[in-house]
Amino acid sequence: ECESLKDIRHRNLVKLLTACSSNDFQGNEFRALIYEFMPNGSLDMWLHPEVAEEINRPPKILTLLERLNICIDVASVLEYLHVHCHEPI
């Protein structure tokens, strides 16, 4: 699965750099996906800002047009993943 995700390229998807799996000091399995840095933050952060972040800077309220554009971009990515990928996901 991770190898397939590494090969996916779309302007609205964050690139998966690598995946790692190991055991922590207590013997529990640890897995991580490493993505490229997102300088503007995640979509989740924009839609649901945390109270602590709002103290440091005023919250950015997305306009209706910005939210509509986000919906269109998400739909574009979903179509790409399900229809146009070399291995549909």
C-alpha atoms as a PDB file:
ATOM      1  CA  GLU A   1       0.000   0.000   0.000  1.00  0.00           C
ATOM      2  CA  CYS A   2       2.725   2.463   0.937  1.00  0.00           C
ATOM      3  CA  GLU A   3       4.633   1.835  -2.296  1.00  0.00           C
ATOM      4  CA  SER A   4       1.472   2.618  -4.272  1.00  0.00           C
ATOM      5  CA  LEU A   5       0.937   5.827  -2.288  1.00  0.00           C
ATOM      6  CA  LYS A   6       4.530   6.963  -2.934  1.00  0.00           C
ATOM      7  CA  ASP A   7       3.939   6.902  -6.704  1.00  0.00           C
ATOM      8  CA  ILE A   8       0.788   9.048  -6.625  1.00  0.00           C
ATOM      9  CA  ARG A   9       1.214  12.577  -7.983  1.00  0.00           C
ATOM     10  CA  HIS A  10      -1.569  15.158  -7.887  1.00  0.00           C
ATOM     11  CA  ARG A  11      -1.395  18.907  -7.252  1.00  0.00           C
ATOM     12  CA  ASN A  12      -3.870  18.628  -4.357  1.00  0.00           C
ATOM     13  CA  LEU A  13      -2.196  15.721  -2.564  1.00  0.00           C
ATOM     14  CA  VAL A  14       0.693  15.948  -0.146  1.00  0.00           C
ATOM     15  CA  LYS A  15       3.552  13.727  -1.304  1.00  0.00           C
ATOM     16  CA  LEU A  16       4.274  10.658   0.825  1.00  0.00           C
ATOM     17  CA  LEU A  17       8.040  10.573   1.352  1.00  0.00           C
ATOM     18  CA  THR A  18       8.453   7.281   3.185  1.00  0.00           C
ATOM     19  CA  ALA A  19       6.975   4.883   5.710  1.00  0.00           C
ATOM     20  CA  CYS A  20       8.638   3.257   8.679  1.00  0.00           C
ATOM     21  CA  SER A  21       7.753   0.481  11.064  1.00  0.00           C
ATOM     22  CA  SER A  22       9.501  -0.496  14.278  1.00  0.00           C
ATOM     23  CA  ASN A  23       8.970  -1.433  17.904  1.00  0.00           C
ATOM     24  CA  ASP A  24       9.151   1.160  20.669  1.00  0.00           C
ATOM     25  CA  PHE A  25      11.038   0.705  23.945  1.00  0.00           C
ATOM     26  CA  GLN A  26       8.059  -1.169  25.451  1.00  0.00           C
ATOM     27  CA  GLY A  27       7.852  -3.591  22.536  1.00  0.00           C
ATOM     28  CA  ASN A  28       4.740  -2.008  21.012  1.00  0.00           C
ATOM     29  CA  GLU A  29       4.598  -1.841  17.242  1.00  0.00           C
ATOM     30  CA  PHE A  30       5.111   1.661  15.865  1.00  0.00           C
ATOM     31  CA  ARG A  31       4.215   2.733  12.326  1.00  0.00           C
ATOM     32  CA  ALA A  32       4.560   6.146  10.727  1.00  0.00           C
ATOM     33  CA  LEU A  33       3.931   7.738   7.351  1.00  0.00           C
ATOM     34  CA  ILE A  34       6.252  10.647   6.567  1.00  0.00           C
ATOM     35  CA  TYR A  35       4.773  13.330   4.309  1.00  0.00           C
ATOM     36  CA  GLU A  36       6.371  16.440   2.856  1.00  0.00           C
ATOM     37  CA  PHE A  37       6.113  19.619   4.927  1.00  0.00           C
ATOM     38  CA  MET A  38       2.891  21.621   4.530  1.00  0.00           C
ATOM     39  CA  PRO A  39       3.884  25.292   5.031  1.00  0.00           C
ATOM     40  CA  ASN A  40       0.248  26.456   5.001  1.00  0.00           C
ATOM     41  CA  GLY A  41      -0.874  23.797   7.466  1.00  0.00           C
ATOM     42  CA  SER A  42      -3.416  21.035   6.973  1.00  0.00           C
ATOM     43  CA  LEU A  43      -6.984  21.326   5.729  1.00  0.00           C
ATOM     44  CA  ASP A  44      -8.116  20.110   9.154  1.00  0.00           C
ATOM     45  CA  MET A  45      -6.250  23.001  10.801  1.00  0.00           C
ATOM     46  CA  TRP A  46      -7.969  25.522   8.504  1.00  0.00           C
ATOM     47  CA  LEU A  47     -11.437  24.059   9.041  1.00  0.00           C
ATOM     48  CA  HIS A  48     -11.076  23.455  12.803  1.00  0.00           C
ATOM     49  CA  PRO A  49      -8.515  25.863  14.349  1.00  0.00           C
ATOM     50  CA  GLU A  50      -7.513  25.120  17.933  1.00  0.00           C
ATOM     51  CA  VAL A  51      -8.122  27.697  20.653  1.00  0.00           C
ATOM     52  CA  ALA A  52      -4.378  27.915  21.467  1.00  0.00           C
ATOM     53  CA  GLU A  53      -3.620  28.866  17.850  1.00  0.00           C
ATOM     54  CA  GLU A  54      -6.273  31.591  17.907  1.00  0.00           C
ATOM     55  CA  ILE A  55      -4.530  33.308  20.824  1.00  0.00           C
ATOM     56  CA  ASN A  56      -1.287  33.734  18.848  1.00  0.00           C
ATOM     57  CA  ARG A  57      -3.002  35.019  15.720  1.00  0.00           C
ATOM     58  CA  PRO A  58      -6.535  35.901  14.711  1.00  0.00           C
ATOM     59  CA  PRO A  59      -8.447  32.966  13.238  1.00  0.00           C
ATOM     60  CA  LYS A  60      -8.641  32.769   9.458  1.00  0.00           C
ATOM     61  CA  ILE A  61     -12.269  32.406   8.489  1.00  0.00           C
ATOM     62  CA  LEU A  62     -12.690  30.743   5.108  1.00  0.00           C
ATOM     63  CA  THR A  63     -15.166  32.432   2.796  1.00  0.00           C
ATOM     64  CA  LEU A  64     -17.930  30.497   1.079  1.00  0.00           C
ATOM     65  CA  LEU A  65     -15.995  30.687  -2.202  1.00  0.00           C
ATOM     66  CA  GLU A  66     -12.826  29.333  -0.536  1.00  0.00           C
ATOM     67  CA  ARG A  67     -14.818  26.466   0.990  1.00  0.00           C
ATOM     68  CA  LEU A  68     -16.427  25.712  -2.376  1.00  0.00           C
ATOM     69  CA  ASN A  69     -12.998  25.655  -4.047  1.00  0.00           C
ATOM     70  CA  ILE A  70     -11.765  23.248  -1.359  1.00  0.00           C
ATOM     71  CA  CYS A  71     -14.739  20.951  -2.068  1.00  0.00           C
ATOM     72  CA  ILE A  72     -13.972  21.022  -5.792  1.00  0.00           C
ATOM     73  CA  ASP A  73     -10.290  20.238  -5.146  1.00  0.00           C
ATOM     74  CA  VAL A  74     -11.192  17.334  -2.833  1.00  0.00           C
ATOM     75  CA  ALA A  75     -13.601  15.961  -5.451  1.00  0.00           C
ATOM     76  CA  SER A  76     -10.834  16.249  -8.060  1.00  0.00           C
ATOM     77  CA  VAL A  77      -8.433  14.243  -5.888  1.00  0.00           C
ATOM     78  CA  LEU A  78     -11.035  11.571  -5.144  1.00  0.00           C
ATOM     79  CA  GLU A  79     -11.765  11.169  -8.853  1.00  0.00           C
ATOM     80  CA  TYR A  80      -8.037  10.909  -9.547  1.00  0.00           C
ATOM     81  CA  LEU A  81      -7.536   8.267  -6.837  1.00  0.00           C
ATOM     82  CA  HIS A  82     -10.546   6.176  -7.856  1.00  0.00           C
ATOM     83  CA  VAL A  83     -10.443   6.514 -11.651  1.00  0.00           C
ATOM     84  CA  HIS A  84      -7.164   7.850 -13.026  1.00  0.00           C
ATOM     85  CA  CYS A  85      -4.491   6.256 -10.814  1.00  0.00           C
ATOM     86  CA  HIS A  86      -2.435   3.454 -12.319  1.00  0.00           C
ATOM     87  CA  GLU A  87      -3.774   1.385  -9.397  1.00  0.00           C
ATOM     88  CA  PRO A  88      -7.219   2.786  -8.426  1.00  0.00           C
ATOM     89  CA  ILE A  89      -7.498   3.224  -4.679  1.00  0.00           C
END
